Structure formats: structure tokens, C-alpha cells
């Protein structure tokens, strides 16, 4: 409406400004010539009004629902293998995406992990709302590649929620308080394929095929030193993240597990780091070991990141009793 009024006023003033110096000439025009001149001015005014109508909304109104992408590059982290924003193995207190507290962000990821005997695929989406709440959904597919588990296939669905409760990793540079978030991961194992009569993780000794992980994460970013530190405490019953079920014949109670990350930002687009994740030992059939990795993360833009890592997943089941080391590759796109 404001643009329309301005256009009308501009057209009117232009006509008046032209009419004053042209008054002597108009007095010498015939009636037909005066009508033609007036028609031309009306056409110019109409064109000005049409131009104003082509821009019906103010810029701030047009951009109201667009994500602002106002956070610093890399401060949304990447998507970890269970779908939450963080590192590759462990969630961080950071909220995924680049939306500030007045906006939102979202990302989609595909992760592939290959060891000597197994392959793990993870893919899903995550949404960050007002840099306060994160919602995520991911699917894991786990495959065997060496006998007797070469036909093994297990899938798991994971739904996550995270809430920032204190601090700010970026803006609280003059304080020691880290950013702190609490979260939960709701997991359901969809059963086992490729092992004949063995179709459920319960047949391997798991107490349940579904469970919930609860966690608290604290992340501190030292911008001047380009260092990020994260610590997470997770209450869990999950065996191999839930791929082998929850609880077992050796233990079926929640246990606190520590998870730690450190990253160094070489520049605004490149980071290196390492992670360590403690694991419970609930199953006789699975001599579970802690996870750890060393990674390189590249952020060519706020819309894309690539993470490459060396990862060790320890032993996975007593049927292939050796340490599983391999490559971790994750692609993430979002805003």
C-alpha cells in the first residue's frame, strides 16, 4: 500500500512539474494536441502504478518465513550417526542448522561406515527451531559382509529431540559456562534378516527390541583459539547403539556412558578432531567395546558439509571376534 501511494504521488508531482514550464507552449497547442499530451501523461502514471503493484509486499514481509542462516559456519555441527546434531559418533549441545533464535534451520544427511566385516548406512533429517529445539529422524541399516554373517541385515528407526537449556557456545565468549542441552533418542529395532531362524535381537540375548537413550551435552567453543570441546553423558541400555537390541542377559539397567569430542577449526571451512564414546556390555553374545574416531570436516558453504573419518567400532558379536576399524563418510545438506 505504501509503494502504491508513493507511485501515485510521484506520478502526480511529475505531471505538475512538467505542466508549469510547458504552460506557454500548451497555450499555443490546439485542443487535439492538448488532449494527446494529457493522454500521454495518464499513460505514464498508469505505468508507474503497475510497477508499484508488481511489488505487493515490503521486503521485510517477503523474507519473514525465509531462514536467516545467521549462525557462523560450522557452528551447527554435522549430523552424527544416530541423527542428532553434533560430531560423527556423539551428539553435541549445538542445535542443528544455521537459523538463529529468530529463525529455523534444517539438514538432511547420508552416512556410510565400512569396516572389515560390516557396513552401516544412516540417513535422515533434522530441524532446528529458534536455535533452541532440535527434532530429528534417522534410519540405520547394518549389513554383514563376511561369513557366517555375510547375509546379515538389521534396520533401526531413531527419533530424537534436543532442547538447549543454558548458555550459548558462540556468544558467551566472556563466560566459562558452556552451552548445555538435554536430549532423548527413541529407538526401535526392526528385526534381523539373513540369519535363517534368527529373526529378532531377543534371540541373541537382548531384553528388548526398543529403548530410549537420554543424554546431557555440554559444548564450549573458544573462538579466539578456534577450539571446540564437548562432553556428553548418556543413560542407555543400547547394544551397539541399539542395532543388537537393548539390555541383555548380563545387564538390563540404564548405565551412564561418557562421550567426548574435541575439534580444531583450521579455518572457517575446515575442522579436524577426534571423538571417544563409551559403551555398555550387556550381552554374552557381544563383547562390546568403546567407539572412537579421528575426523576431518569440510564446510564449503552453509548448505553443504562433508565429513571423512577413521573410525574404530571395536568388537561386534562373538561370531567375528576382532576389532572393526574402517572409514566413515558423511554428506550433509541443509540451511
Protein backbone atom coordinates (compact mmCIF):
# COMPACT_ATOMS: atom_id res chain seq x y z
CA UNK A 1 0.00 0.00 0.00
CA UNK A 2 2.83 2.38 0.87
CA UNK A 3 4.50 1.70 -2.50
CA UNK A 4 1.21 2.37 -4.30
CA UNK A 5 0.76 5.74 -2.62
CA UNK A 6 4.34 6.72 -3.36
CA UNK A 7 3.93 5.84 -7.03
CA UNK A 8 0.70 7.86 -7.29
CA UNK A 9 2.33 10.85 -5.60
CA UNK A 10 5.39 10.60 -7.86
CA UNK A 11 3.26 10.49 -10.99
CA UNK A 12 1.19 13.48 -9.84
CA UNK A 13 4.23 15.59 -8.97
CA UNK A 14 5.89 14.70 -12.25
CA UNK A 15 2.84 15.84 -14.18
CA UNK A 16 2.68 19.11 -12.26
CA UNK A 17 6.39 19.75 -12.69
CA UNK A 18 6.09 19.29 -16.42
CA UNK A 19 2.93 21.36 -16.75
CA UNK A 20 4.46 24.53 -15.20
CA UNK A 21 7.33 25.07 -17.69
CA UNK A 22 5.15 23.88 -20.56
CA UNK A 23 2.29 26.27 -19.84
CA UNK A 24 3.29 28.84 -22.53
CA UNK A 25 3.68 26.10 -25.10
CA UNK A 26 0.37 24.47 -24.14
CA UNK A 27 -1.38 27.81 -24.71
CA UNK A 28 -0.28 27.61 -28.36
CA UNK A 29 -1.44 23.95 -28.74
CA UNK A 30 -4.66 23.05 -30.44
CA UNK A 31 -7.32 21.26 -28.41
CA UNK A 32 -6.36 17.97 -30.11
CA UNK A 33 -2.67 18.41 -29.22
CA UNK A 34 -3.51 19.19 -25.58
CA UNK A 35 -5.66 16.05 -25.32
CA UNK A 36 -2.81 13.95 -26.78
CA UNK A 37 -0.34 15.41 -24.24
CA UNK A 38 -2.75 14.72 -21.35
CA UNK A 39 -3.26 11.13 -22.56
CA UNK A 40 0.49 10.54 -22.64
CA UNK A 41 0.80 11.76 -19.03
CA UNK A 42 -2.05 9.47 -17.93
CA UNK A 43 -0.28 6.52 -19.58
CA UNK A 44 2.96 7.28 -17.72
CA UNK A 45 1.05 7.50 -14.42
CA UNK A 46 -0.65 4.15 -15.15
CA UNK A 47 2.72 2.51 -15.88
CA UNK A 48 4.08 3.83 -12.58
CA UNK A 49 1.09 2.38 -10.72
CA UNK A 50 1.50 -1.01 -12.42
CA UNK A 51 5.15 -1.07 -11.38
CA UNK A 52 4.11 -0.50 -7.79
CA UNK A 53 1.53 -3.32 -7.95
CA UNK A 54 4.24 -5.73 -9.17
CA UNK A 55 5.89 -5.35 -5.75
CA UNK A 56 2.90 -6.02 -3.45
CA UNK A 57 4.87 -6.75 -0.25
CA UNK A 58 7.52 -4.92 1.64
CA UNK A 59 10.97 -6.65 1.67
CA UNK A 60 10.68 -7.49 5.35
CA UNK A 61 7.30 -9.14 4.71
CA UNK A 62 8.61 -11.19 1.78
CA UNK A 63 11.52 -12.52 3.88
CA UNK A 64 9.56 -13.22 7.05
CA UNK A 65 9.41 -17.00 6.52
CA UNK A 66 12.83 -17.42 4.91
CA UNK A 67 15.58 -18.95 7.12
CA UNK A 68 18.09 -16.29 8.10
CA UNK A 69 21.15 -18.61 8.16
CA UNK A 70 22.68 -16.18 10.64
CA UNK A 71 24.88 -18.57 12.64
CA UNK A 72 28.60 -18.87 11.98
CA UNK A 73 29.77 -21.53 9.53
CA UNK A 74 30.28 -24.94 11.21
CA UNK A 75 28.51 -23.91 14.44
CA UNK A 76 25.58 -26.19 13.60
CA UNK A 77 27.96 -29.15 13.73
CA UNK A 78 27.35 -32.12 11.48
CA UNK A 79 24.82 -34.92 11.89
CA UNK A 80 26.00 -37.85 13.97
CA UNK A 81 25.29 -41.44 13.07
CA UNK A 82 22.06 -41.53 15.11
CA UNK A 83 20.65 -38.37 13.52
CA UNK A 84 21.36 -35.68 16.14
CA UNK A 85 23.42 -32.56 15.53
CA UNK A 86 26.99 -32.96 16.78
CA UNK A 87 30.03 -34.94 15.75
CA UNK A 88 30.08 -38.26 13.94
CA UNK A 89 29.67 -40.52 16.99
CA UNK A 90 28.22 -38.31 19.71
CA UNK A 91 25.61 -35.53 19.99
CA UNK A 92 26.70 -32.01 20.92
CA UNK A 93 24.77 -29.28 22.72
CA UNK A 94 24.65 -27.29 19.46
CA UNK A 95 21.33 -27.11 17.61
CA UNK A 96 21.46 -28.27 14.00
CA UNK A 97 21.10 -25.83 11.10
CA UNK A 98 22.05 -22.18 10.71
CA UNK A 99 18.89 -20.50 11.95
CA UNK A 100 19.31 -18.01 14.81
CA UNK A 101 16.93 -17.62 17.75
CA UNK A 102 14.57 -15.73 15.42
CA UNK A 103 14.57 -18.35 12.67
CA UNK A 104 14.99 -22.04 11.90
CA UNK A 105 17.32 -24.42 10.08
CA UNK A 106 17.23 -27.94 8.71
CA UNK A 107 19.53 -30.58 7.28
CA UNK A 108 19.49 -33.97 5.60
CA UNK A 109 22.34 -36.45 5.86
CA UNK A 110 23.66 -39.69 4.44
CA UNK A 111 26.38 -41.54 6.32
CA UNK A 112 28.30 -44.66 5.29
CA UNK A 113 30.61 -46.62 7.59
CA UNK A 114 32.60 -49.60 6.30
CA UNK A 115 34.76 -51.91 8.42
CA UNK A 116 36.40 -55.25 7.61
CA UNK A 117 33.25 -57.29 8.28
CA UNK A 118 30.34 -54.86 8.43
CA UNK A 119 28.70 -51.87 6.76
CA UNK A 120 26.45 -49.29 8.34
CA UNK A 121 24.26 -46.80 6.49
CA UNK A 122 22.44 -43.96 8.20
CA UNK A 123 20.22 -41.33 6.63
CA UNK A 124 17.63 -38.87 7.86
CA UNK A 125 16.63 -35.28 8.53
CA UNK A 126 16.91 -32.85 11.43
CA UNK A 127 15.26 -29.50 12.10
CA UNK A 128 16.46 -26.75 14.44
CA UNK A 129 13.83 -24.29 15.70
CA UNK A 130 14.82 -20.85 17.04
CA UNK A 131 18.26 -22.23 17.98
CA UNK A 132 16.51 -23.84 20.94
CA UNK A 133 14.83 -27.09 19.90
CA UNK A 134 16.05 -29.84 17.59
CA UNK A 135 13.91 -32.63 16.14
CA UNK A 136 15.45 -35.48 14.16
CA UNK A 137 14.54 -38.71 12.41
CA UNK A 138 17.04 -41.27 11.11
CA UNK A 139 17.19 -44.81 9.82
CA UNK A 140 20.14 -47.15 10.26
CA UNK A 141 20.87 -50.17 8.06
CA UNK A 142 23.50 -52.63 9.25
CA UNK A 143 24.95 -55.33 6.96
CA UNK A 144 27.39 -58.20 7.38
CA UNK A 145 30.00 -58.85 4.69
CA UNK A 146 31.91 -61.90 5.98
CA UNK A 147 30.69 -65.44 6.75
CA UNK A 148 28.91 -66.55 8.82
CA UNK A 149 27.20 -63.12 8.90
CA UNK A 150 27.60 -62.19 5.24
CA UNK A 151 23.80 -62.15 4.70
CA UNK A 152 23.04 -60.27 7.90
CA UNK A 153 20.76 -57.24 7.67
CA UNK A 154 19.38 -55.24 10.61
CA UNK A 155 17.49 -51.96 10.46
CA UNK A 156 16.63 -49.47 13.18
CA UNK A 157 14.48 -46.32 13.34
CA UNK A 158 15.55 -43.43 15.58
CA UNK A 159 13.59 -40.31 16.51
CA UNK A 160 15.34 -37.63 18.53
CA UNK A 161 14.56 -34.45 20.43
CA UNK A 162 17.04 -31.98 21.92
CA UNK A 163 16.47 -28.83 23.99
CA UNK A 164 19.02 -26.11 24.74
CA UNK A 165 18.65 -25.25 28.43
CA UNK A 166 21.57 -22.93 29.24
CA UNK A 167 24.47 -20.97 27.78
CA UNK A 168 25.44 -20.17 24.22
CA UNK A 169 28.53 -21.66 22.62
CA UNK A 170 29.13 -18.64 20.37
CA UNK A 171 28.00 -15.55 22.27
CA UNK A 172 29.16 -16.46 25.79
CA UNK A 173 32.84 -15.99 24.99
CA UNK A 174 33.38 -13.96 28.16
CA UNK A 175 31.98 -16.74 30.36
CA UNK A 176 33.08 -20.24 31.26
CA UNK A 177 29.53 -21.56 31.12
CA UNK A 178 29.20 -23.91 28.11
CA UNK A 179 26.10 -24.39 26.04
CA UNK A 180 24.09 -27.16 27.69
CA UNK A 181 21.38 -29.26 26.07
CA UNK A 182 19.33 -32.25 27.11
CA UNK A 183 18.01 -34.83 24.67
CA UNK A 184 16.43 -38.19 24.07
CA UNK A 185 16.60 -40.76 21.28
CA UNK A 186 13.66 -43.10 20.78
CA UNK A 187 14.89 -46.25 19.05
CA UNK A 188 13.14 -49.28 17.57
CA UNK A 189 14.97 -52.27 16.15
CA UNK A 190 13.08 -53.77 13.19
CA UNK A 191 14.48 -57.29 13.49
CA UNK A 192 17.14 -59.42 11.85
CA UNK A 193 17.27 -60.67 8.27
CA UNK A 194 19.60 -63.15 6.58
CA UNK A 195 20.20 -65.46 9.55
CA UNK A 196 17.52 -68.04 8.88
CA UNK A 197 15.56 -68.84 12.03
CA UNK A 198 17.15 -65.95 13.93
CA UNK A 199 14.81 -63.03 13.24
CA UNK A 200 14.88 -61.00 16.46
CA UNK A 201 17.59 -59.42 18.59
CA UNK A 202 15.94 -61.10 21.57
CA UNK A 203 17.18 -64.43 20.19
CA UNK A 204 20.72 -63.08 20.63
CA UNK A 205 20.03 -62.33 24.29
CA UNK A 206 18.68 -58.76 24.15
CA UNK A 207 15.98 -57.95 26.69
CA UNK A 208 14.04 -55.70 24.30
CA UNK A 209 13.92 -54.54 20.68
CA UNK A 210 13.11 -50.93 21.63
CA UNK A 211 14.60 -48.40 24.01
CA UNK A 212 15.26 -44.75 24.82
CA UNK A 213 18.64 -43.06 25.28
CA UNK A 214 18.71 -39.95 27.50
CA UNK A 215 21.64 -37.55 27.39
CA UNK A 216 23.06 -34.24 28.59
CA UNK A 217 25.63 -32.48 26.40
CA UNK A 218 27.87 -29.52 27.21
CA UNK A 219 29.70 -27.75 24.37
CA UNK A 220 32.24 -24.96 24.75
CA UNK A 221 33.57 -23.04 21.75
CA UNK A 222 36.71 -20.94 22.17
CA UNK A 223 36.56 -18.68 19.12
CA UNK A 224 39.89 -16.97 19.72
CA UNK A 225 41.69 -20.33 19.93
CA UNK A 226 39.47 -21.99 17.26
CA UNK A 227 38.81 -24.93 19.59
CA UNK A 228 35.56 -26.77 20.36
CA UNK A 229 35.18 -29.14 23.31
CA UNK A 230 32.17 -31.33 24.05
CA UNK A 231 31.22 -33.75 26.78
CA UNK A 232 28.09 -35.90 26.81
CA UNK A 233 26.71 -38.22 29.46
CA UNK A 234 24.25 -40.74 28.08
CA UNK A 235 21.94 -43.04 30.04
CA UNK A 236 21.44 -46.10 27.86
CA UNK A 237 20.67 -49.80 27.60
CA UNK A 238 21.51 -49.93 23.89
CA UNK A 239 23.75 -52.66 22.49
CA UNK A 240 25.81 -51.31 19.57
CA UNK A 241 23.59 -48.19 19.51
CA UNK A 242 20.52 -50.48 19.53
CA UNK A 243 21.47 -52.46 16.43
CA UNK A 244 21.66 -55.54 18.71
CA UNK A 245 18.75 -54.50 20.88
CA UNK A 246 18.55 -53.13 24.41
CA UNK A 247 19.64 -54.73 27.66
CA UNK A 248 20.71 -58.33 27.82
CA UNK A 249 21.48 -61.47 29.75
CA UNK A 250 24.44 -59.80 31.53
CA UNK A 251 22.76 -56.50 32.38
CA UNK A 252 19.38 -54.85 31.85
CA UNK A 253 19.54 -51.48 33.55
CA UNK A 254 20.39 -47.95 32.50
CA UNK A 255 24.07 -47.10 32.75
CA UNK A 256 25.77 -43.70 32.35
CA UNK A 257 28.24 -43.63 29.47
CA UNK A 258 30.68 -40.79 28.78
CA UNK A 259 31.24 -39.38 25.29
CA UNK A 260 33.88 -36.80 24.44
CA UNK A 261 34.77 -34.65 21.41
CA UNK A 262 37.46 -32.13 20.56
CA UNK A 263 37.77 -30.18 17.32
CA UNK A 264 40.16 -27.56 15.95
CA UNK A 265 38.98 -25.14 13.25
CA UNK A 266 41.86 -24.71 10.85
CA UNK A 267 39.85 -22.01 9.11
CA UNK A 268 36.18 -21.13 8.69
CA UNK A 269 35.61 -24.07 6.34
CA UNK A 270 37.83 -26.85 7.65
CA UNK A 271 37.95 -28.62 11.02
CA UNK A 272 39.80 -31.64 12.38
CA UNK A 273 39.06 -33.52 15.56
CA UNK A 274 38.59 -36.74 17.49
CA UNK A 275 35.84 -38.43 19.49
CA UNK A 276 35.55 -41.17 22.10
CA UNK A 277 32.35 -42.94 23.10
CA UNK A 278 31.99 -45.41 25.96
CA UNK A 279 29.68 -48.41 25.51
CA UNK A 280 27.80 -50.77 27.86
CA UNK A 281 28.40 -54.51 27.88
CA UNK A 282 25.05 -56.23 28.24
CA UNK A 283 25.26 -59.32 26.02
CA UNK A 284 27.22 -62.54 26.30
CA UNK A 285 26.97 -62.76 22.51
CA UNK A 286 28.54 -59.33 22.03
CA UNK A 287 31.83 -58.38 23.66
CA UNK A 288 31.11 -54.70 23.03
CA UNK A 289 33.98 -52.19 23.02
CA UNK A 290 34.16 -48.40 23.08
CA UNK A 291 34.00 -46.39 19.84
CA UNK A 292 36.47 -43.72 18.75
CA UNK A 293 37.32 -41.77 15.59
CA UNK A 294 39.53 -39.07 14.08
CA UNK A 295 37.80 -36.83 11.54
CA UNK A 296 38.15 -34.05 9.00
CA UNK A 297 35.06 -31.93 8.31
CA UNK A 298 34.83 -29.59 5.33
CA UNK A 299 32.19 -26.85 5.06
CA UNK A 300 32.40 -25.41 1.51
CA UNK A 301 29.23 -23.42 2.28
CA UNK A 302 26.48 -23.26 4.86
CA UNK A 303 24.42 -25.52 2.61
CA UNK A 304 26.87 -28.43 2.46
CA UNK A 305 29.35 -30.32 4.61
CA UNK A 306 31.48 -33.41 4.08
CA UNK A 307 32.98 -35.43 6.94
CA UNK A 308 35.63 -38.11 6.49
CA UNK A 309 36.93 -40.13 9.43
CA UNK A 310 38.91 -43.14 10.53
CA UNK A 311 36.64 -44.99 12.96
CA UNK A 312 37.01 -47.94 15.30
CA UNK A 313 33.85 -49.72 16.45
CA UNK A 314 35.60 -52.43 18.49
CA UNK A 315 34.26 -55.99 18.53
CA UNK A 316 30.80 -56.62 17.12
CA UNK A 317 29.38 -60.03 18.19
CA UNK A 318 31.42 -63.09 19.13
CA UNK A 319 30.92 -64.53 15.65
CA UNK A 320 33.54 -62.22 14.11
CA UNK A 321 35.78 -61.64 17.16
CA UNK A 322 38.14 -58.90 16.02
CA UNK A 323 38.33 -55.14 16.20
CA UNK A 324 36.32 -53.43 13.48
CA UNK A 325 38.23 -50.46 12.06
CA UNK A 326 37.15 -48.62 8.96
CA UNK A 327 36.14 -45.47 7.12
CA UNK A 328 33.35 -43.08 7.98
CA UNK A 329 31.94 -40.79 5.24
CA UNK A 330 29.04 -38.41 5.79
CA UNK A 331 27.38 -35.94 3.43
CA UNK A 332 25.05 -33.27 4.78
CA UNK A 333 22.97 -30.65 3.01
CA UNK A 334 20.78 -28.02 4.58
CA UNK A 335 20.39 -24.42 5.69
